[in-house]
C-alpha atoms as a PDB file:
ATOM      1  CA  MET A   1     -76.552 -66.042  17.229  1.00  0.00           C
ATOM      2  CA  THR A   2     -73.023 -64.752  17.514  1.00  0.00           C
ATOM      3  CA  LYS A   3     -72.173 -62.849  20.654  1.00  0.00           C
ATOM      4  CA  ILE A   4     -70.013 -59.804  20.484  1.00  0.00           C
ATOM      5  CA  ASN A   5     -67.102 -59.835  22.892  1.00  0.00           C
ATOM      6  CA  HIS A   6     -66.879 -56.171  23.921  1.00  0.00           C
ATOM      7  CA  SER A   7     -63.535 -56.756  25.599  1.00  0.00           C
ATOM      8  CA  SER A   8     -61.950 -57.287  22.163  1.00  0.00           C
ATOM      9  CA  VAL A   9     -62.981 -53.881  20.800  1.00  0.00           C
ATOM     10  CA  HIS A  10     -60.105 -51.285  20.650  1.00  0.00           C
ATOM     11  CA  ARG A  11     -60.707 -48.597  23.181  1.00  0.00           C
ATOM     12  CA  PRO A  12     -59.744 -44.943  22.508  1.00  0.00           C
ATOM     13  CA  GLY A  13     -57.139 -45.096  25.238  1.00  0.00           C
ATOM     14  CA  CYS A  14     -55.341 -47.955  23.510  1.00  0.00           C
ATOM     15  CA  ARG A  15     -55.277 -46.048  20.236  1.00  0.00           C
ATOM     16  CA  ASN A  16     -53.726 -42.999  21.928  1.00  0.00           C
ATOM     17  CA  SER A  17     -51.131 -45.181  23.608  1.00  0.00           C
ATOM     18  CA  PHE A  18     -50.140 -46.712  20.264  1.00  0.00           C
ATOM     19  CA  LYS A  19     -49.973 -43.274  18.610  1.00  0.00           C
ATOM     20  CA  ASP A  20     -47.821 -41.894  21.428  1.00  0.00           C
ATOM     21  CA  THR A  21     -45.410 -44.794  21.023  1.00  0.00           C
ATOM     22  CA  ILE A  22     -45.017 -44.127  17.286  1.00  0.00           C
ATOM     23  CA  VAL A  23     -44.499 -40.383  17.857  1.00  0.00           C
ATOM     24  CA  GLN A  24     -41.894 -41.078  20.518  1.00  0.00           C
ATOM     25  CA  GLN A  25     -40.027 -43.447  18.179  1.00  0.00           C
ATOM     26  CA  ILE A  26     -40.028 -40.804  15.445  1.00  0.00           C
ATOM     27  CA  ARG A  27     -38.701 -38.206  17.891  1.00  0.00           C
ATOM     28  CA  ASN A  28     -35.982 -40.586  19.024  1.00  0.00           C
ATOM     29  CA  ASN A  29     -34.995 -41.242  15.407  1.00  0.00           C
ATOM     30  CA  ILE A  30     -34.870 -37.510  14.605  1.00  0.00           C
ATOM     31  CA  LEU A  31     -32.792 -36.825  17.724  1.00  0.00           C
ATOM     32  CA  PHE A  32     -30.422 -39.661  16.802  1.00  0.00           C
ATOM     33  CA  ILE A  33     -30.005 -38.260  13.276  1.00  0.00           C
ATOM     34  CA  LEU A  34     -29.356 -34.742  14.622  1.00  0.00           C
ATOM     35  CA  VAL A  35     -26.736 -36.022  17.050  1.00  0.00           C
ATOM     36  CA  MET A  36     -25.059 -37.976  14.258  1.00  0.00           C
ATOM     37  CA  VAL A  37     -25.074 -34.952  11.911  1.00  0.00           C
ATOM     38  CA  ILE A  38     -23.685 -32.620  14.576  1.00  0.00           C
ATOM     39  CA  GLY A  39     -21.032 -35.161  15.526  1.00  0.00           C
ATOM     40  CA  MET A  40     -20.059 -35.711  11.906  1.00  0.00           C
ATOM     41  CA  HIS A  41     -19.895 -31.940  11.318  1.00  0.00           C
ATOM     42  CA  ALA A  42     -17.678 -31.401  14.366  1.00  0.00           C
ATOM     43  CA  GLY A  43     -15.361 -34.184  13.286  1.00  0.00           C
ATOM     44  CA  PHE A  44     -15.364 -32.894   9.712  1.00  0.00           C
ATOM     45  CA  ALA A  45     -14.503 -29.352  10.790  1.00  0.00           C
ATOM     46  CA  GLN A  46     -11.726 -30.543  13.074  1.00  0.00           C
ATOM     47  CA  ASP A  47     -10.061 -32.786  10.500  1.00  0.00           C
ATOM     48  CA  PHE A  48     -10.893 -30.811   7.352  1.00  0.00           C
ATOM     49  CA  GLN A  49      -7.864 -29.639   5.379  1.00  0.00           C
ATOM     50  CA  GLY A  50      -6.750 -28.948   1.859  1.00  0.00           C
ATOM     51  CA  LYS A  51      -4.691 -26.941  -0.610  1.00  0.00           C
ATOM     52  CA  ALA A  52      -5.698 -24.348  -3.188  1.00  0.00           C
ATOM     53  CA  THR A  53      -3.547 -22.933  -5.995  1.00  0.00           C
ATOM     54  CA  TYR A  54      -4.056 -19.301  -7.026  1.00  0.00           C
ATOM     55  CA  GLU A  55      -2.861 -17.234  -9.987  1.00  0.00           C
ATOM     56  CA  SER A  56      -2.195 -13.578  -9.149  1.00  0.00           C
ATOM     57  CA  LYS A  57      -1.749 -10.644 -11.549  1.00  0.00           C
ATOM     58  CA  THR A  58      -1.017  -7.050 -10.554  1.00  0.00           C
ATOM     59  CA  GLN A  59      -1.093  -4.052 -12.886  1.00  0.00           C
ATOM     60  CA  VAL A  60       1.920  -1.750 -12.718  1.00  0.00           C
ATOM     61  CA  ASN A  61       1.957   1.769 -14.146  1.00  0.00           C
ATOM     62  CA  ILE A  62       5.153   3.804 -13.898  1.00  0.00           C
ATOM     63  CA  ASP A  63       5.345   7.516 -14.663  1.00  0.00           C
ATOM     64  CA  PHE A  64       8.781   7.962 -16.206  1.00  0.00           C
ATOM     65  CA  GLY A  65       8.308  11.731 -15.968  1.00  0.00           C
ATOM     66  CA  ASN A  66      11.082  13.775 -17.551  1.00  0.00           C
ATOM     67  CA  ARG A  67      13.544  10.907 -17.908  1.00  0.00           C
ATOM     68  CA  GLN A  68      15.252  10.620 -21.273  1.00  0.00           C
ATOM     69  CA  ILE A  69      14.537   6.905 -21.707  1.00  0.00           C
ATOM     70  CA  PRO A  70      14.152   5.369 -25.193  1.00  0.00           C
ATOM     71  CA  GLU A  71      10.695   3.984 -25.927  1.00  0.00           C
ATOM     72  CA  ASP A  72      12.006   0.440 -26.465  1.00  0.00           C
ATOM     73  CA  ARG A  73      13.682   0.608 -23.048  1.00  0.00           C
ATOM     74  CA  LYS A  74      10.438   1.803 -21.432  1.00  0.00           C
ATOM     75  CA  LYS A  75       8.583  -1.061 -23.099  1.00  0.00           C
ATOM     76  CA  GLU A  76      11.177  -3.548 -21.838  1.00  0.00           C
ATOM     77  CA  ILE A  77      10.911  -2.182 -18.290  1.00  0.00           C
ATOM     78  CA  MET A  78       7.114  -2.397 -18.303  1.00  0.00           C
ATOM     79  CA  GLU A  79       7.183  -5.945 -19.704  1.00  0.00           C
ATOM     80  CA  ARG A  80       9.588  -7.072 -16.995  1.00  0.00           C
ATOM     81  CA  MET A  81       7.500  -5.431 -14.292  1.00  0.00           C
ATOM     82  CA  LYS A  82       4.407  -7.151 -15.680  1.00  0.00           C
ATOM     83  CA  LYS A  83       6.051 -10.587 -15.592  1.00  0.00           C
ATOM     84  CA  ALA A  84       7.399  -9.939 -12.102  1.00  0.00           C
ATOM     85  CA  ASN A  85       3.837  -9.352 -10.910  1.00  0.00           C
ATOM     86  CA  GLU A  86       2.361 -12.519 -12.419  1.00  0.00           C
ATOM     87  CA  LYS A  87       2.715 -15.090  -9.660  1.00  0.00           C
ATOM     88  CA  THR A  88       1.437 -18.457  -8.477  1.00  0.00           C
ATOM     89  CA  PHE A  89       0.583 -19.042  -4.817  1.00  0.00           C
ATOM     90  CA  GLU A  90      -0.465 -22.058  -2.778  1.00  0.00           C
ATOM     91  CA  LEU A  91      -2.841 -21.800   0.172  1.00  0.00           C
ATOM     92  CA  SER A  92      -2.600 -24.686   2.648  1.00  0.00           C
ATOM     93  CA  PHE A  93      -5.381 -24.744   5.226  1.00  0.00           C
ATOM     94  CA  ASN A  94      -7.204 -26.570   7.989  1.00  0.00           C
ATOM     95  CA  ALA A  95     -10.290 -25.496   9.936  1.00  0.00           C
ATOM     96  CA  THR A  96      -8.623 -22.551  11.722  1.00  0.00           C
ATOM     97  CA  GLU A  97      -5.173 -21.941  10.183  1.00  0.00           C
ATOM     98  CA  SER A  98      -3.714 -21.289   6.755  1.00  0.00           C
ATOM     99  CA  ILE A  99      -0.424 -20.370   5.141  1.00  0.00           C
ATOM    100  CA  TYR A 100      -0.127 -18.587   1.791  1.00  0.00           C
ATOM    101  CA  GLU A 101       3.185 -19.146  -0.005  1.00  0.00           C
ATOM    102  CA  GLU A 102       4.511 -18.177  -3.408  1.00  0.00           C
ATOM    103  CA  VAL A 103       5.362 -21.042  -5.744  1.00  0.00           C
ATOM    104  CA  GLU A 104       8.806 -20.147  -7.028  1.00  0.00           C
ATOM    105  CA  LYS A 105       9.215 -20.335 -10.799  1.00  0.00           C
ATOM    106  CA  LEU A 106      12.413 -21.334 -12.568  1.00  0.00           C
ATOM    107  CA  GLU A 107      14.095 -18.387 -14.271  1.00  0.00           C
ATOM    108  CA  GLN A 108      14.686 -18.556 -17.990  1.00  0.00           C
ATOM    109  CA  PRO A 109      18.367 -19.062 -18.989  1.00  0.00           C
ATOM    110  CA  GLY A 110      20.095 -15.767 -19.654  1.00  0.00           C
ATOM    111  CA  ASN A 111      17.342 -13.758 -17.984  1.00  0.00           C
ATOM    112  CA  SER A 112      17.945 -12.776 -14.397  1.00  0.00           C
ATOM    113  CA  GLY A 113      14.577 -11.061 -14.302  1.00  0.00           C
ATOM    114  CA  PRO A 114      13.656  -7.967 -12.344  1.00  0.00           C
ATOM    115  CA  ARG A 115      14.656  -7.517  -8.751  1.00  0.00           C
ATOM    116  CA  ARG A 116      11.727  -7.823  -6.398  1.00  0.00           C
ATOM    117  CA  MET A 117      11.132  -4.976  -4.016  1.00  0.00           C
ATOM    118  CA  ARG A 118       9.262  -6.285  -0.988  1.00  0.00           C
ATOM    119  CA  PHE A 119       7.902  -3.588   1.252  1.00  0.00           C
ATOM    120  CA  GLY A 120       5.621  -5.908   3.220  1.00  0.00           C
ATOM    121  CA  ALA A 121       2.347  -4.062   2.960  1.00  0.00           C
ATOM    122  CA  MET A 122      -0.227  -6.719   3.670  1.00  0.00           C
ATOM    123  CA  GLY A 123      -1.311  -8.411   0.449  1.00  0.00           C
ATOM    124  CA  SER A 124       1.624  -7.060  -1.558  1.00  0.00           C
ATOM    125  CA  ALA A 125       4.557  -9.033  -2.904  1.00  0.00           C
ATOM    126  CA  GLY A 126       5.961 -10.399   0.302  1.00  0.00           C
ATOM    127  CA  GLY A 127       6.953 -13.527   2.135  1.00  0.00           C
ATOM    128  CA  ASP A 128       4.991 -16.375   3.691  1.00  0.00           C
ATOM    129  CA  LEU A 129       1.634 -15.238   5.114  1.00  0.00           C
ATOM    130  CA  TYR A 130       0.219 -17.240   8.039  1.00  0.00           C
ATOM    131  CA  LYS A 131      -3.316 -16.615   9.290  1.00  0.00           C
ATOM    132  CA  ASN A 132      -5.059 -17.960  12.392  1.00  0.00           C
ATOM    133  CA  ILE A 133      -8.729 -17.018  12.093  1.00  0.00           C
ATOM    134  CA  LYS A 134      -9.601 -18.415  15.524  1.00  0.00           C
ATOM    135  CA  GLU A 135      -7.138 -16.046  17.197  1.00  0.00           C
ATOM    136  CA  GLU A 136      -7.599 -13.392  14.460  1.00  0.00           C
ATOM    137  CA  LYS A 137      -3.863 -12.876  14.007  1.00  0.00           C
ATOM    138  CA  TYR A 138      -1.399 -13.055  11.135  1.00  0.00           C
ATOM    139  CA  LEU A 139       2.335 -13.460  10.659  1.00  0.00           C
ATOM    140  CA  ILE A 140       4.356 -12.448   7.591  1.00  0.00           C
ATOM    141  CA  LYS A 141       7.965 -13.491   7.143  1.00  0.00           C
ATOM    142  CA  ASN A 142       9.479 -10.895   4.850  1.00  0.00           C
ATOM    143  CA  GLU A 143      12.964 -10.006   3.658  1.00  0.00           C
ATOM    144  CA  LEU A 144      13.848  -6.338   3.225  1.00  0.00           C
ATOM    145  CA  PHE A 145      17.281  -5.500   1.807  1.00  0.00           C
ATOM    146  CA  GLY A 146      18.869  -8.658   3.178  1.00  0.00           C
ATOM    147  CA  LYS A 147      17.266  -8.536   6.633  1.00  0.00           C
ATOM    148  CA  ILE A 148      14.418 -10.870   7.636  1.00  0.00           C
ATOM    149  CA  PHE A 149      11.444  -9.498   9.561  1.00  0.00           C
ATOM    150  CA  LEU A 150       8.477 -11.280  11.136  1.00  0.00           C
ATOM    151  CA  ILE A 151       5.395  -9.070  11.051  1.00  0.00           C
ATOM    152  CA  ASP A 152       3.017 -10.038  13.873  1.00  0.00           C
ATOM    153  CA  ASP A 153      -0.350  -8.304  14.004  1.00  0.00           C
ATOM    154  CA  THR A 154      -4.152  -8.600  14.151  1.00  0.00           C
ATOM    155  CA  LEU A 155      -6.247  -9.662  11.163  1.00  0.00           C
ATOM    156  CA  GLU A 156      -8.432  -6.966   9.655  1.00  0.00           C
ATOM    157  CA  ARG A 157     -12.171  -7.700   9.676  1.00  0.00           C
ATOM    158  CA  LEU A 158     -13.740  -6.470   6.453  1.00  0.00           C
ATOM    159  CA  ASN A 159     -17.418  -5.522   6.427  1.00  0.00           C
ATOM    160  CA  TRP A 160     -18.423  -7.976   3.707  1.00  0.00           C
ATOM    161  CA  GLN A 161     -21.685  -7.349   1.871  1.00  0.00           C
ATOM    162  CA  LEU A 162     -23.075 -10.665   0.610  1.00  0.00           C
ATOM    163  CA  GLY A 163     -24.758 -10.535  -2.788  1.00  0.00           C
ATOM    164  CA  SER A 164     -27.019 -12.888  -4.728  1.00  0.00           C
ATOM    165  CA  ASP A 165     -24.907 -13.078  -7.908  1.00  0.00           C
ATOM    166  CA  THR A 166     -23.373 -16.465  -8.670  1.00  0.00           C
ATOM    167  CA  LYS A 167     -20.936 -17.866 -11.197  1.00  0.00           C
ATOM    168  CA  GLN A 168     -19.085 -21.088 -11.825  1.00  0.00           C
ATOM    169  CA  ILE A 169     -15.382 -21.216 -10.935  1.00  0.00           C
ATOM    170  CA  GLY A 170     -14.003 -24.607 -11.853  1.00  0.00           C
ATOM    171  CA  ASN A 171     -16.309 -27.238 -10.359  1.00  0.00           C
ATOM    172  CA  TYR A 172     -17.708 -24.902  -7.714  1.00  0.00           C
ATOM    173  CA  THR A 173     -20.617 -22.478  -7.547  1.00  0.00           C
ATOM    174  CA  ALA A 174     -19.304 -19.168  -6.233  1.00  0.00           C
ATOM    175  CA  TYR A 175     -21.239 -16.312  -4.623  1.00  0.00           C
ATOM    176  CA  LYS A 176     -20.320 -12.636  -4.832  1.00  0.00           C
ATOM    177  CA  ALA A 177     -19.343 -10.452  -1.874  1.00  0.00           C
ATOM    178  CA  THR A 178     -17.948  -6.912  -1.751  1.00  0.00           C
ATOM    179  CA  ALA A 179     -16.199  -4.741   0.821  1.00  0.00           C
ATOM    180  CA  VAL A 180     -14.414  -1.399   1.071  1.00  0.00           C
ATOM    181  CA  LYS A 181     -10.789  -1.610   2.176  1.00  0.00           C
ATOM    182  CA  THR A 182      -8.084   0.950   2.953  1.00  0.00           C
ATOM    183  CA  VAL A 183      -4.798   0.076   1.250  1.00  0.00           C
ATOM    184  CA  LYS A 184      -1.286   1.489   1.576  1.00  0.00           C
ATOM    185  CA  ARG A 185       1.057   1.040  -1.384  1.00  0.00           C
ATOM    186  CA  PRO A 186       4.582   2.218  -2.310  1.00  0.00           C
ATOM    187  CA  ASN A 187       4.579   5.408  -4.389  1.00  0.00           C
ATOM    188  CA  MET A 188       6.474   4.002  -7.378  1.00  0.00           C
ATOM    189  CA  GLN A 189       6.070   7.239  -9.375  1.00  0.00           C
ATOM    190  CA  ALA A 190       7.923   9.209  -6.704  1.00  0.00           C
ATOM    191  CA  LEU A 191      10.609   6.524  -6.493  1.00  0.00           C
ATOM    192  CA  PHE A 192      11.505   6.428 -10.189  1.00  0.00           C
ATOM    193  CA  ARG A 193      10.730   9.989 -11.268  1.00  0.00           C
ATOM    194  CA  GLY A 194      13.904  11.948 -11.989  1.00  0.00           C
ATOM    195  CA  ARG A 195      14.881  15.366 -10.754  1.00  0.00           C
ATOM    196  CA  ARG A 196      14.389  18.321 -13.086  1.00  0.00           C
ATOM    197  CA  ARG A 197      17.660  19.325 -14.679  1.00  0.00           C
ATOM    198  CA  ASP A 198      16.361  22.512 -16.275  1.00  0.00           C
ATOM    199  CA  ASN A 199      14.972  25.403 -14.287  1.00  0.00           C
ATOM    200  CA  ASP A 200      15.663  23.460 -11.103  1.00  0.00           C
ATOM    201  CA  ASN A 201      14.934  25.531  -8.011  1.00  0.00           C
ATOM    202  CA  ALA A 202      14.391  25.167  -4.292  1.00  0.00           C
ATOM    203  CA  ASP A 203      10.602  24.930  -4.661  1.00  0.00           C
ATOM    204  CA  ASN A 204      10.851  21.998  -7.087  1.00  0.00           C
ATOM    205  CA  LYS A 205      13.331  20.184  -4.859  1.00  0.00           C
ATOM    206  CA  GLU A 206      11.157  20.718  -1.796  1.00  0.00           C
ATOM    207  CA  LYS A 207       8.097  19.453  -3.674  1.00  0.00           C
ATOM    208  CA  GLU A 208       9.951  16.315  -4.796  1.00  0.00           C
ATOM    209  CA  ASN A 209      11.355  15.655  -1.333  1.00  0.00           C
ATOM    210  CA  ASN A 210       7.901  15.997   0.239  1.00  0.00           C
ATOM    211  CA  GLU A 211       6.279  13.410  -2.009  1.00  0.00           C
ATOM    212  CA  PRO A 212       4.840  10.587   0.145  1.00  0.00           C
ATOM    213  CA  GLU A 213       6.658   7.252   0.082  1.00  0.00           C
ATOM    214  CA  PHE A 214       3.334   5.419   0.442  1.00  0.00           C
ATOM    215  CA  ILE A 215      -0.093   6.252  -0.948  1.00  0.00           C
ATOM    216  CA  GLU A 216      -3.136   5.403   1.155  1.00  0.00           C
ATOM    217  CA  LYS A 217      -6.621   5.162  -0.341  1.00  0.00           C
ATOM    218  CA  GLU A 218      -9.914   3.266  -0.181  1.00  0.00           C
ATOM    219  CA  VAL A 219     -10.667   0.605  -2.786  1.00  0.00           C
ATOM    220  CA  VAL A 220     -13.602  -1.703  -3.465  1.00  0.00           C
ATOM    221  CA  VAL A 221     -12.795  -5.404  -3.083  1.00  0.00           C
ATOM    222  CA  GLU A 222     -14.841  -7.980  -4.996  1.00  0.00           C
ATOM    223  CA  ALA A 223     -14.685 -11.591  -3.820  1.00  0.00           C
ATOM    224  CA  TRP A 224     -16.253 -14.868  -4.948  1.00  0.00           C
ATOM    225  CA  TYR A 225     -16.597 -17.620  -2.339  1.00  0.00           C
ATOM    226  CA  THR A 226     -18.051 -21.134  -2.301  1.00  0.00           C
ATOM    227  CA  PRO A 227     -19.955 -22.669   0.648  1.00  0.00           C
ATOM    228  CA  GLU A 228     -19.090 -26.053  -0.892  1.00  0.00           C
ATOM    229  CA  VAL A 229     -15.708 -25.692   0.828  1.00  0.00           C
ATOM    230  CA  PRO A 230     -16.959 -24.750   4.338  1.00  0.00           C
ATOM    231  CA  ILE A 231     -14.031 -22.759   5.722  1.00  0.00           C
ATOM    232  CA  ASN A 232     -13.430 -19.021   6.255  1.00  0.00           C
ATOM    233  CA  HIS A 233     -10.044 -18.840   4.525  1.00  0.00           C
ATOM    234  CA  GLY A 234      -8.948 -17.116   1.338  1.00  0.00           C
ATOM    235  CA  PRO A 235      -5.874 -15.999  -0.617  1.00  0.00           C
ATOM    236  CA  SER A 236      -3.545 -13.233   0.537  1.00  0.00           C
ATOM    237  CA  GLU A 237      -4.959 -11.377   3.564  1.00  0.00           C
ATOM    238  CA  TYR A 238      -8.590 -12.114   2.722  1.00  0.00           C
ATOM    239  CA  TRP A 239     -10.842 -14.197   4.993  1.00  0.00           C
ATOM    240  CA  GLY A 240     -14.151 -14.110   6.856  1.00  0.00           C
ATOM    241  CA  LEU A 241     -16.679 -15.309   4.259  1.00  0.00           C
ATOM    242  CA  PRO A 242     -18.947 -18.387   4.682  1.00  0.00           C
ATOM    243  CA  GLY A 243     -16.840 -20.508   2.359  1.00  0.00           C
ATOM    244  CA  LEU A 244     -13.417 -20.616   0.709  1.00  0.00           C
ATOM    245  CA  ILE A 245     -12.665 -17.491  -1.354  1.00  0.00           C
ATOM    246  CA  LEU A 246     -11.988 -18.658  -4.919  1.00  0.00           C
ATOM    247  CA  ALA A 247     -11.416 -15.262  -6.540  1.00  0.00           C
ATOM    248  CA  VAL A 248     -10.774 -11.730  -5.309  1.00  0.00           C
ATOM    249  CA  SER A 249      -9.820  -8.441  -6.955  1.00  0.00           C
ATOM    250  CA  ASP A 250      -9.246  -4.801  -6.087  1.00  0.00           C
ATOM    251  CA  ASP A 251      -8.258  -1.849  -8.293  1.00  0.00           C
ATOM    252  CA  VAL A 252      -4.911  -3.357  -9.372  1.00  0.00           C
ATOM    253  CA  THR A 253      -4.687  -7.036  -8.362  1.00  0.00           C
ATOM    254  CA  THR A 254      -6.725 -10.052  -9.479  1.00  0.00           C
ATOM    255  CA  ILE A 255      -6.362 -13.450  -7.781  1.00  0.00           C
ATOM    256  CA  ILE A 256      -8.196 -16.558  -8.990  1.00  0.00           C
ATOM    257  CA  CYS A 257      -8.120 -20.186  -7.870  1.00  0.00           C
ATOM    258  CA  SER A 258      -6.963 -22.707 -10.476  1.00  0.00           C
ATOM    259  CA  LYS A 259      -6.893 -25.928  -8.426  1.00  0.00           C
ATOM    260  CA  ILE A 260      -8.276 -27.326  -5.149  1.00  0.00           C
ATOM    261  CA  THR A 261      -7.289 -30.511  -3.318  1.00  0.00           C
ATOM    262  CA  LEU A 262      -9.433 -31.435  -0.298  1.00  0.00           C
ATOM    263  CA  ASN A 263      -8.485 -33.844   2.483  1.00  0.00           C
ATOM    264  CA  PRO A 264      -5.396 -35.333   0.798  1.00  0.00           C
ATOM    265  CA  LYS A 265      -4.084 -38.694   1.959  1.00  0.00           C
ATOM    266  CA  ASP A 266      -0.971 -37.136   3.494  1.00  0.00           C
ATOM    267  CA  LYS A 267      -1.778 -34.843   6.408  1.00  0.00           C
ATOM    268  CA  ILE A 268      -1.029 -31.161   5.827  1.00  0.00           C
ATOM    269  CA  GLU A 269       1.070 -29.413   8.467  1.00  0.00           C
ATOM    270  CA  ILE A 270       0.459 -25.701   8.907  1.00  0.00           C
ATOM    271  CA  LYS A 271       3.605 -24.222  10.427  1.00  0.00           C
ATOM    272  CA  ALA A 272       3.640 -20.588  11.489  1.00  0.00           C
ATOM    273  CA  PRO A 273       6.855 -18.784  10.448  1.00  0.00           C
ATOM    274  CA  LYS A 274       9.201 -18.057  13.346  1.00  0.00           C
ATOM    275  CA  LYS A 275      12.371 -16.685  11.760  1.00  0.00           C
ATOM    276  CA  GLY A 276      13.065 -12.956  11.691  1.00  0.00           C
ATOM    277  CA  LYS A 277      12.949  -9.845  13.850  1.00  0.00           C
ATOM    278  CA  LYS A 278       9.425  -9.541  15.258  1.00  0.00           C
ATOM    279  CA  VAL A 279       7.705  -6.220  14.527  1.00  0.00           C
ATOM    280  CA  THR A 280       4.155  -4.916  14.238  1.00  0.00           C
ATOM    281  CA  GLN A 281       2.728  -3.867  10.875  1.00  0.00           C
ATOM    282  CA  ALA A 282       3.046  -0.184  11.840  1.00  0.00           C
ATOM    283  CA  GLU A 283       6.703  -0.637  12.821  1.00  0.00           C
ATOM    284  CA  TYR A 284       7.437  -2.447   9.572  1.00  0.00           C
ATOM    285  CA  ASP A 285       5.692   0.262   7.546  1.00  0.00           C
ATOM    286  CA  GLU A 286       7.973   2.869   9.119  1.00  0.00           C
ATOM    287  CA  ILE A 287      11.089   0.809   8.330  1.00  0.00           C
ATOM    288  CA  SER A 288       9.858   0.428   4.747  1.00  0.00           C
ATOM    289  CA  ARG A 289       9.237   4.172   4.477  1.00  0.00           C
ATOM    290  CA  GLU A 290      12.800   4.947   5.551  1.00  0.00           C
ATOM    291  CA  LYS A 291      14.154   2.468   3.002  1.00  0.00           C
ATOM    292  CA  MET A 292      11.983   4.050   0.305  1.00  0.00           C
ATOM    293  CA  ILE A 293      13.503   7.470   1.053  1.00  0.00           C
ATOM    294  CA  GLU A 294      16.989   5.978   0.865  1.00  0.00           C
ATOM    295  CA  MET A 295      16.237   4.203  -2.426  1.00  0.00           C
ATOM    296  CA  ARG A 296      14.687   7.320  -3.952  1.00  0.00           C
ATOM    297  CA  GLU A 297      17.703   9.478  -3.136  1.00  0.00           C
ATOM    298  CA  ASN A 298      20.201   6.876  -4.357  1.00  0.00           C
ATOM    299  CA  PHE A 299      18.273   6.344  -7.572  1.00  0.00           C
ATOM    300  CA  ARG A 300      17.903  10.054  -8.328  1.00  0.00           C
ATOM    301  CA  ASN A 301      21.511  10.883  -7.506  1.00  0.00           C
ATOM    302  CA  ASN A 302      22.909   8.021  -9.583  1.00  0.00           C
ATOM    303  CA  ARG A 303      20.691   8.770 -12.575  1.00  0.00           C
ATOM    304  CA  SER A 304      21.279  12.526 -12.512  1.00  0.00           C
ATOM    305  CA  GLY A 305      25.019  12.038 -12.298  1.00  0.00           C
ATOM    306  CA  GLY A 306      25.502  10.713 -15.810  1.00  0.00           C
ATOM    307  CA  GLY A 307      22.798   8.159 -16.551  1.00  0.00           C
ATOM    308  CA  GLY A 308      24.801   5.110 -15.596  1.00  0.00           C
ATOM    309  CA  ARG A 309      23.372   1.792 -14.465  1.00  0.00           C
ATOM    310  CA  GLY A 310      23.444   2.678 -10.793  1.00  0.00           C
ATOM    311  CA  GLY A 311      20.367   2.834  -8.619  1.00  0.00           C
ATOM    312  CA  ALA A 312      17.399   0.522  -8.789  1.00  0.00           C
ATOM    313  CA  ARG A 313      17.380  -2.467 -11.108  1.00  0.00           C
ATOM    314  CA  PHE A 314      14.305  -3.510 -13.064  1.00  0.00           C
END
């Protein structure tokens, strides 16, 4: 008869000890994985960099008013203004900084093209735009009538509303976001509208002289961002979404990304512009306003004095 050795039977306490050991090993493995993921993410964020190319188009509508300008000339002016506002930009970025620069295009032989009027309103045709989202500041190097200014001010935080709509932009899935933004733009109608030659009176002159040099209004901004590029940057002055902004548009300008290069072999250097007289955005706006008044008077006086080629060039 076989005897049962009770000492060889597994006791409940032994089972619990074995189970506790397995649970502890699993916890250790999970903790190790979490530490590795967090470490990899921190290293990724610190070293992450890239470049994005954007195509920008801005609609321009000019009220020629009472000017005696042939229709073919008007068409030529509008076509030149349209081409002048079709631009290519490159956004270079790392985890916290970016710089947005225009890619200069070669002019066609025999075509000097329209003269650019840079009034430095944020997001308008201007110079190099540097953003530091960690410090929430921006710098714009801008040239105004031969003098270089360095606009130094605080980034605007838009109240982005994140939506559920998605679409494909290139190889990336983009998500929709909207915001309301106050913009200030040059009053081009007031700049190029001529004085009345007939029935001119003091009231008409006063009305023309009191026209604002800049128009301020609220517009809806629509942006498309991708979390697949995990940074808060975007083209022009836009930023603050949970992923790179691939496309953005307001009432007149549309910007869309055409190419992205991530973590290139050669390290990207983000250099903040330093050249120019340092001013705030408000100070620069006032300088621009004064120049607008000067341009408007010169243009009107030259055109009303015989219709020569003086004044502003298109």
